[in-house]
Amino acid sequence: MPGSFSYIRRSLVLSVVILLLPLKASAQSVIHPTKENIPVSSDPRFELGHDHNEEVWSWDMMDITTVGVNEGNAHEMIGWIIDFDVDHNGTMYYVDLMGAQVRAYGYDGKFIADVSTAGMGPGEFRDPRGLAVMESGRRIIVEDVYVDHVFQREGDTFNLIATNQPEYLGFGAFCAMNGYYYNQRFVDEQHDGVIHRYTLEGNWENSFGKPYDYENQFIVYGITADAMLACNAKHGVVAQIINHIPAMTGYSEDGEELWQVTFSDYRSDTILESVRDGATVRSVQGEDGSSVFKSLFSDGDYFYVTYSFIKTDLGNMPPLKFMENHIFRVDARTGLGHYLGTGPEPGEHLLAVDGEYRFTTTQNEGFPQIRVYEPRQSR
């Protein structure tokens, strides 16, 4: 139910298109996002910045449960976290891209089960990219290459209910609520909308949302695909972020735009569009101090959104370092929100919130970890 996690998904997109040596702009070059794609809020209540503090989170006095080790059994080691969700009933799930696996752990850090196995058969994972837990906590939907899998949880067992081939395949921007799931993909300018709603049987219901506004469809496709979705079941709202645009938009389940908030301190990472050998090329510049959205998810009445500033380090891997993430909370009904502060340490990113529990991931390359924070018991 909560939404999209971007620690690796955004890193993956960046790694595909980034050129570490800056390209020189030419007469044929265009810098994105273009001016018409950068929204301006006409109401200051919907412009969120770091100076609008009503409540600032503290990460002091918290106990930590950690998942992920450098050496151990296969289910104990995390290769590449690409999505994360919680069922609000004591279980957290993550998608490991390197292991082609979705794993369930308790909030206490104890392994529960693999949702399925890697493979090409029905219900097996070929290259999972998205995960959504329905609000009941018993249905788990996994977005895979060309198909989506729906599982029913019974105790510690996950039974395949359906394998669907949606009409418009998504690429990781994924969420579910109230008997439907949503993915995002720009198809072409003839199709109406980039967010697509499906029944759990895989039947398309409707499409909505605006793609990046530009005439070159290669650029539109690439920028629009770098997105996050989150579903708020309590109020029936789908929130969307396109990573290079400093705004978040809330839609009703039927696609009506309800609100839009902007982030005044977000500095969009620029994309250079150029033409080489007759082909359009796009490259993320990755300038120091630019911003990258890291996560978008829902908990109860609110959406939470985080972004991080980056620093280049060309002599090391990875060449981009993500600094502390900045956390905002936005009311799902109204779009009004405020700044909650930073995460626990630079490079550690917020994944989800469940009541007093907070879930993060570290930036350890090769061996990332999931951390569960909870209030320290009084003694």
Protein backbone atom coordinates (compact mmCIF):
# COMPACT_ATOMS: atom_id res chain seq x y z
CA MET A 1 0.00 0.00 0.00
CA PRO A 2 2.58 2.69 0.88
CA GLY A 3 4.40 3.30 -2.40
CA SER A 4 7.70 3.64 -4.21
CA PHE A 5 11.17 3.39 -2.80
CA SER A 6 13.93 4.88 -4.85
CA TYR A 7 17.32 4.23 -3.26
CA ILE A 8 18.36 1.82 -5.98
CA ARG A 9 15.73 2.52 -8.62
CA ARG A 10 16.82 6.13 -8.92
CA SER A 11 20.46 5.04 -8.73
CA LEU A 12 19.77 2.51 -11.48
CA VAL A 13 18.27 5.15 -13.75
CA LEU A 14 21.17 7.47 -13.06
CA SER A 15 23.75 4.76 -13.74
CA VAL A 16 22.17 3.97 -17.10
CA VAL A 17 22.23 7.50 -18.46
CA ILE A 18 24.90 9.40 -16.54
CA LEU A 19 28.15 10.39 -18.24
CA LEU A 20 30.85 11.18 -15.71
CA LEU A 21 32.66 13.52 -18.05
CA PRO A 22 30.44 16.60 -18.54
CA LEU A 23 29.12 17.09 -22.05
CA LYS A 24 29.52 20.51 -23.59
CA ALA A 25 26.28 22.13 -24.64
CA SER A 26 26.01 22.87 -28.36
CA ALA A 27 23.52 24.60 -30.62
CA GLN A 28 21.63 21.30 -30.74
CA SER A 29 21.61 20.80 -26.97
CA VAL A 30 18.67 21.33 -24.62
CA ILE A 31 18.83 21.40 -20.83
CA HIS A 32 16.02 19.60 -18.96
CA PRO A 33 13.81 20.15 -17.09
CA THR A 34 12.71 22.99 -19.32
CA LYS A 35 11.12 26.08 -17.79
CA GLU A 36 7.56 25.08 -18.68
CA ASN A 37 7.99 21.80 -16.78
CA ILE A 38 8.99 23.42 -13.48
CA PRO A 39 5.75 24.23 -11.63
CA VAL A 40 5.35 27.32 -9.50
CA SER A 41 2.93 27.26 -6.59
CA SER A 42 0.46 30.15 -6.55
CA ASP A 43 -0.32 29.49 -2.88
CA PRO A 44 2.58 29.60 -0.37
CA ARG A 45 0.90 26.89 1.73
CA PHE A 46 1.70 24.42 -1.07
CA GLU A 47 5.38 25.37 -1.32
CA LEU A 48 7.33 23.26 1.14
CA GLY A 49 10.79 24.21 2.34
CA HIS A 50 13.17 23.49 5.17
CA ASP A 51 12.13 26.59 7.11
CA HIS A 52 8.47 25.56 7.57
CA ASN A 53 8.97 23.53 10.72
CA GLU A 54 6.07 22.48 12.93
CA GLU A 55 7.63 19.22 14.05
CA VAL A 56 11.18 17.97 13.57
CA TRP A 57 11.94 14.31 14.00
CA SER A 58 14.65 13.20 16.36
CA TRP A 59 16.65 10.03 15.67
CA ASP A 60 18.36 10.01 19.09
CA MET A 61 17.05 7.48 21.67
CA MET A 62 16.01 4.84 19.13
CA ASP A 63 16.67 1.09 19.17
CA ILE A 64 17.75 -0.50 15.88
CA THR A 65 16.99 -3.87 14.30
CA THR A 66 19.21 -4.61 11.28
CA VAL A 67 18.65 -6.92 8.30
CA GLY A 68 21.53 -7.73 5.98
CA VAL A 69 25.00 -9.19 6.57
CA ASN A 70 28.24 -9.32 4.58
CA GLU A 71 28.53 -13.10 4.86
CA GLY A 72 25.77 -15.59 5.62
CA ASN A 73 22.95 -17.57 4.09
CA ALA A 74 21.39 -16.34 0.84
CA HIS A 75 18.35 -14.88 2.57
CA GLU A 76 20.57 -13.00 5.06
CA MET A 77 22.57 -11.10 2.44
CA ILE A 78 21.04 -8.24 0.50
CA GLY A 79 22.38 -7.60 -2.97
CA TRP A 80 20.45 -4.67 -4.42
CA ILE A 81 17.30 -3.29 -2.82
CA ILE A 82 14.99 -1.89 -5.49
CA ASP A 83 11.66 -1.66 -3.65
CA PHE A 84 10.28 -1.96 -0.12
CA ASP A 85 6.91 -2.11 1.62
CA VAL A 86 5.36 -2.98 4.98
CA ASP A 87 2.00 -4.55 5.81
CA HIS A 88 1.41 -2.49 8.99
CA ASN A 89 1.06 -5.77 10.85
CA GLY A 90 4.65 -6.64 11.69
CA THR A 91 6.05 -7.73 8.30
CA MET A 92 8.36 -5.87 5.94
CA TYR A 93 9.09 -6.89 2.35
CA TYR A 94 11.90 -5.96 0.00
CA VAL A 95 12.76 -6.67 -3.63
CA ASP A 96 16.35 -7.78 -4.17
CA LEU A 97 17.20 -7.14 -7.80
CA MET A 98 20.47 -9.10 -7.78
CA GLY A 99 18.82 -12.12 -6.18
CA ALA A 100 15.62 -11.81 -8.27
CA GLN A 101 13.75 -12.31 -5.03
CA VAL A 102 11.11 -10.79 -2.75
CA ARG A 103 11.70 -11.54 0.93
CA ALA A 104 9.59 -11.15 4.04
CA TYR A 105 11.06 -10.26 7.42
CA GLY A 106 9.49 -9.40 10.74
CA TYR A 107 9.98 -5.98 12.25
CA ASP A 108 12.22 -7.77 14.76
CA GLY A 109 14.63 -8.69 11.96
CA LYS A 110 13.70 -12.39 11.82
CA PHE A 111 13.43 -13.98 8.38
CA ILE A 112 9.92 -15.23 7.53
CA ALA A 113 10.05 -16.56 3.96
CA ASP A 114 10.82 -15.91 0.32
CA VAL A 115 7.61 -14.95 -1.45
CA SER A 116 8.55 -17.13 -4.44
CA THR A 117 11.62 -18.39 -6.29
CA ALA A 118 13.66 -17.04 -9.19
CA GLY A 119 12.76 -18.55 -12.53
CA MET A 120 10.60 -18.33 -15.65
CA GLY A 121 7.54 -20.30 -14.54
CA PRO A 122 4.17 -19.05 -13.25
CA GLY A 123 4.69 -16.97 -10.13
CA GLU A 124 8.47 -17.17 -10.37
CA PHE A 125 10.54 -14.00 -10.51
CA ARG A 126 12.57 -13.21 -13.58
CA ASP A 127 13.52 -9.61 -12.86
CA PRO A 128 11.24 -8.11 -10.19
CA ARG A 129 11.17 -4.30 -10.05
CA GLY A 130 8.14 -3.30 -7.95
CA LEU A 131 6.25 -4.40 -4.86
CA ALA A 132 2.92 -3.42 -3.29
CA VAL A 133 1.13 -4.79 -0.24
CA MET A 134 -2.64 -4.38 -0.19
CA GLU A 135 -4.12 -2.69 2.87
CA SER A 136 -5.33 -6.03 4.29
CA GLY A 137 -1.71 -7.19 4.42
CA ARG A 138 -2.66 -10.54 2.87
CA ARG A 139 -2.28 -9.70 -0.83
CA ILE A 140 1.18 -8.99 -2.23
CA ILE A 141 1.64 -7.82 -5.83
CA VAL A 142 5.03 -8.03 -7.52
CA GLU A 143 5.84 -6.21 -10.74
CA ASP A 144 8.10 -8.38 -12.90
CA VAL A 145 9.34 -8.23 -16.48
CA TYR A 146 6.26 -8.35 -18.76
CA VAL A 147 3.99 -9.65 -15.98
CA ASP A 148 2.61 -8.87 -12.52
CA HIS A 149 2.19 -11.60 -9.90
CA VAL A 150 -0.52 -11.56 -7.22
CA PHE A 151 0.06 -13.65 -4.09
CA GLN A 152 -2.17 -14.49 -1.14
CA ARG A 153 -0.46 -14.84 2.22
CA GLU A 154 -1.58 -17.64 4.54
CA GLY A 155 0.55 -17.71 7.68
CA ASP A 156 4.13 -17.84 6.44
CA THR A 157 3.17 -19.23 3.02
CA PHE A 158 2.59 -17.21 -0.14
CA ASN A 159 0.24 -18.75 -2.69
CA LEU A 160 0.07 -17.53 -6.27
CA ILE A 161 -3.40 -16.16 -7.13
CA ALA A 162 -2.75 -14.78 -10.61
CA THR A 163 -0.06 -13.83 -13.09
CA ASN A 164 -1.21 -10.93 -15.27
CA GLN A 165 0.19 -9.25 -18.36
CA PRO A 166 -0.96 -5.63 -18.07
CA GLU A 167 -1.78 -3.64 -21.18
CA TYR A 168 0.78 -0.95 -20.32
CA LEU A 169 3.83 -2.45 -18.66
CA GLY A 170 5.32 -0.41 -15.84
CA PHE A 171 8.92 -0.04 -14.74
CA GLY A 172 8.95 0.18 -10.96
CA ALA A 173 6.60 3.06 -10.14
CA PHE A 174 4.00 0.91 -8.46
CA CYS A 175 1.38 0.97 -5.68
CA ALA A 176 -1.93 -0.69 -4.74
CA MET A 177 -5.09 0.04 -2.77
CA ASN A 178 -8.80 -0.73 -2.56
CA GLY A 179 -8.73 -3.69 -4.95
CA TYR A 180 -6.63 -2.01 -7.65
CA TYR A 181 -2.98 -1.57 -8.47
CA TYR A 182 -1.30 1.25 -10.36
CA ASN A 183 1.82 1.49 -12.48
CA GLN A 184 3.37 4.25 -14.56
CA ARG A 185 4.54 4.27 -18.14
CA PHE A 186 4.52 6.76 -20.98
CA VAL A 187 3.26 4.91 -24.04
CA ASP A 188 2.99 7.64 -26.69
CA GLU A 189 1.33 10.99 -27.18
CA GLN A 190 -1.87 9.35 -28.43
CA HIS A 191 -2.59 7.65 -25.11
CA ASP A 192 -4.30 9.59 -22.36
CA GLY A 193 -2.27 9.51 -19.18
CA VAL A 194 0.83 7.84 -17.77
CA ILE A 195 -0.59 6.31 -14.56
CA HIS A 196 -2.56 3.16 -15.30
CA ARG A 197 -5.07 1.47 -12.99
CA TYR A 198 -5.74 -2.29 -13.06
CA THR A 199 -7.93 -4.75 -11.25
CA LEU A 200 -6.18 -7.58 -9.42
CA GLU A 201 -7.09 -9.75 -12.42
CA GLY A 202 -4.94 -7.50 -14.61
CA ASN A 203 -7.76 -5.70 -16.40
CA TRP A 204 -7.03 -2.10 -17.35
CA GLU A 205 -9.53 0.40 -15.91
CA ASN A 206 -8.30 3.89 -16.76
CA SER A 207 -5.24 6.09 -17.27
CA PHE A 208 -4.46 9.57 -15.97
CA GLY A 209 -1.61 11.91 -15.08
CA LYS A 210 0.56 14.15 -17.25
CA PRO A 211 3.82 13.14 -18.92
CA TYR A 212 6.81 15.42 -19.20
CA ASP A 213 5.83 18.19 -21.62
CA TYR A 214 8.13 18.03 -24.64
CA GLU A 215 7.93 17.21 -28.33
CA ASN A 216 10.73 14.61 -28.44
CA GLN A 217 9.16 11.33 -27.29
CA PHE A 218 12.53 9.76 -26.46
CA ILE A 219 13.09 12.50 -23.89
CA VAL A 220 9.48 12.35 -22.67
CA TYR A 221 9.71 8.59 -22.19
CA GLY A 222 12.99 8.72 -20.28
CA ILE A 223 12.10 11.55 -17.91
CA THR A 224 8.52 10.38 -17.29
CA ALA A 225 9.72 6.83 -16.53
CA ASP A 226 11.89 8.07 -13.68
CA ALA A 227 8.89 8.35 -11.38
CA MET A 228 7.42 7.21 -8.08
CA LEU A 229 3.86 6.41 -7.07
CA ALA A 230 2.26 5.95 -3.66
CA CYS A 231 -1.30 4.96 -2.75
CA ASN A 232 -3.23 6.19 0.28
CA ALA A 233 -6.10 3.72 0.75
CA LYS A 234 -7.78 5.62 3.56
CA HIS A 235 -8.53 8.64 1.36
CA GLY A 236 -8.29 7.04 -2.10
CA VAL A 237 -5.41 9.22 -3.30
CA VAL A 238 -2.53 8.34 -5.65
CA ALA A 239 0.56 10.55 -5.31
CA GLN A 240 3.07 10.93 -8.12
CA ILE A 241 6.58 12.32 -8.38
CA ILE A 242 8.61 12.61 -11.58
CA ASN A 243 12.13 12.65 -10.28
CA HIS A 244 13.51 15.69 -12.10
CA ILE A 245 10.52 17.92 -11.35
CA PRO A 246 10.38 19.62 -7.89
CA ALA A 247 6.72 18.78 -7.25
CA MET A 248 4.33 16.09 -6.07
CA THR A 249 0.78 15.70 -7.39
CA GLY A 250 -2.17 13.97 -5.76
CA TYR A 251 -4.90 12.31 -7.86
CA SER A 252 -8.18 10.65 -7.00
CA GLU A 253 -8.59 6.97 -7.87
CA ASP A 254 -10.41 8.08 -11.03
CA GLY A 255 -7.61 10.41 -12.07
CA GLU A 256 -8.88 13.82 -10.97
CA GLU A 257 -6.03 16.12 -9.94
CA LEU A 258 -6.64 17.04 -6.30
CA TRP A 259 -3.58 19.06 -5.32
CA GLN A 260 0.04 19.76 -6.16
CA VAL A 261 2.84 20.76 -3.80
CA THR A 262 6.27 22.09 -4.75
CA PHE A 263 9.58 21.92 -2.89
CA SER A 264 11.38 25.23 -2.72
CA ASP A 265 14.78 23.81 -1.73
CA TYR A 266 14.80 21.02 -4.31
CA ARG A 267 17.43 21.64 -6.98
CA SER A 268 16.57 19.59 -10.07
CA ASP A 269 19.37 17.44 -11.46
CA THR A 270 19.79 18.60 -15.04
CA ILE A 271 19.63 16.37 -18.09
CA LEU A 272 21.48 17.32 -21.24
CA GLU A 273 19.75 16.42 -24.49
CA SER A 274 22.12 16.35 -27.44
CA VAL A 275 22.36 14.84 -30.91
CA ARG A 276 25.24 12.55 -31.79
CA ASP A 277 25.51 10.72 -35.10
CA GLY A 278 21.91 11.63 -35.81
CA ALA A 279 20.59 10.08 -32.59
CA THR A 280 19.19 11.86 -29.56
CA VAL A 281 21.22 11.24 -26.41
CA ARG A 282 20.25 12.18 -22.85
CA SER A 283 22.69 12.27 -19.96
CA VAL A 284 22.14 13.13 -16.31
CA GLN A 285 24.78 15.65 -15.35
CA GLY A 286 24.91 14.84 -11.63
CA GLU A 287 26.20 18.20 -10.46
CA ASP A 288 27.20 18.58 -6.82
CA GLY A 289 24.32 19.90 -4.74
CA SER A 290 21.53 18.80 -7.05
CA SER A 291 18.60 16.85 -5.60
CA VAL A 292 17.26 13.36 -6.20
CA PHE A 293 13.96 12.06 -4.83
CA LYS A 294 14.64 8.93 -2.79
CA SER A 295 11.27 7.65 -1.58
CA LEU A 296 7.54 8.25 -1.61
CA PHE A 297 5.14 6.26 0.55
CA SER A 298 1.96 6.50 2.59
CA ASP A 299 1.02 5.84 6.20
CA GLY A 300 -2.51 6.51 7.43
CA ASP A 301 -3.51 10.10 6.68
CA TYR A 302 -0.19 11.14 5.15
CA PHE A 303 2.27 10.80 2.33
CA TYR A 304 5.96 10.98 3.12
CA VAL A 305 8.47 12.14 0.54
CA THR A 306 12.24 12.34 0.84
CA TYR A 307 14.99 13.71 -1.32
CA SER A 308 18.74 13.81 -1.04
CA PHE A 309 21.47 16.11 -2.29
CA ILE A 310 24.28 14.44 -4.23
CA LYS A 311 28.04 14.79 -4.29
CA THR A 312 30.25 13.50 -7.08
CA ASP A 313 33.29 11.39 -6.25
CA LEU A 314 34.80 10.34 -9.57
CA GLY A 315 37.68 8.40 -8.03
CA ASN A 316 35.44 5.92 -6.25
CA MET A 317 32.48 3.62 -6.80
CA PRO A 318 29.76 4.59 -6.87
CA PRO A 319 30.66 7.92 -8.49
CA LEU A 320 27.65 9.61 -6.87
CA LYS A 321 27.27 9.93 -3.11
CA PHE A 322 23.83 10.61 -1.67
CA MET A 323 23.96 12.87 1.36
CA GLU A 324 21.37 13.12 4.14
CA ASN A 325 17.77 12.78 3.04
CA HIS A 326 15.25 15.50 3.82
CA ILE A 327 11.82 14.30 4.92
CA PHE A 328 8.43 15.93 4.34
CA ARG A 329 4.97 14.85 5.45
CA VAL A 330 1.96 15.79 3.29
CA ASP A 331 -1.72 15.39 4.17
CA ALA A 332 -3.30 13.03 1.64
CA ARG A 333 -6.59 14.92 1.62
CA THR A 334 -5.37 18.49 1.31
CA GLY A 335 -1.80 18.42 0.04
CA LEU A 336 -0.72 20.59 2.97
CA GLY A 337 2.49 19.52 4.65
CA HIS A 338 5.69 20.43 6.43
CA TYR A 339 9.34 19.51 6.88
CA LEU A 340 10.26 16.79 9.38
CA GLY A 341 14.04 17.08 9.24
CA THR A 342 16.80 14.79 8.00
CA GLY A 343 17.37 11.07 8.35
CA PRO A 344 19.66 9.42 10.88
CA GLU A 345 22.92 9.83 8.93
CA PRO A 346 24.11 10.79 5.43
CA GLY A 347 23.49 8.05 2.90
CA GLU A 348 20.79 6.35 4.99
CA HIS A 349 17.37 6.74 3.44
CA LEU A 350 13.86 6.49 4.83
CA LEU A 351 11.81 3.64 3.30
CA ALA A 352 8.56 3.51 5.27
CA VAL A 353 6.78 4.53 8.46
CA ASP A 354 4.37 2.42 10.51
CA GLY A 355 3.19 4.26 13.60
CA GLU A 356 6.32 4.75 15.72
CA TYR A 357 8.42 2.43 13.54
CA ARG A 358 10.73 3.90 10.91
CA PHE A 359 12.48 1.87 8.23
CA THR A 360 15.65 2.93 6.43
CA THR A 361 18.33 1.51 4.18
CA THR A 362 22.05 2.18 4.29
CA GLN A 363 24.13 3.09 1.28
CA ASN A 364 26.66 0.29 1.76
CA GLU A 365 27.73 -0.79 -1.72
CA GLY A 366 27.40 -4.52 -2.28
CA PHE A 367 26.01 -5.19 1.17
CA PRO A 368 23.23 -2.72 1.96
CA GLN A 369 21.25 -3.10 5.17
CA ILE A 370 17.69 -2.39 6.24
CA ARG A 371 17.33 -0.77 9.66
CA VAL A 372 14.20 -0.67 11.78
CA TYR A 373 14.01 2.13 14.30
CA GLU A 374 11.61 2.03 17.21
CA PRO A 375 11.25 4.10 20.39
CA ARG A 376 13.57 2.98 23.17
CA GLN A 377 11.60 1.35 25.98
CA SER A 378 11.59 3.39 29.14
CA ARG A 379 13.52 1.81 32.00
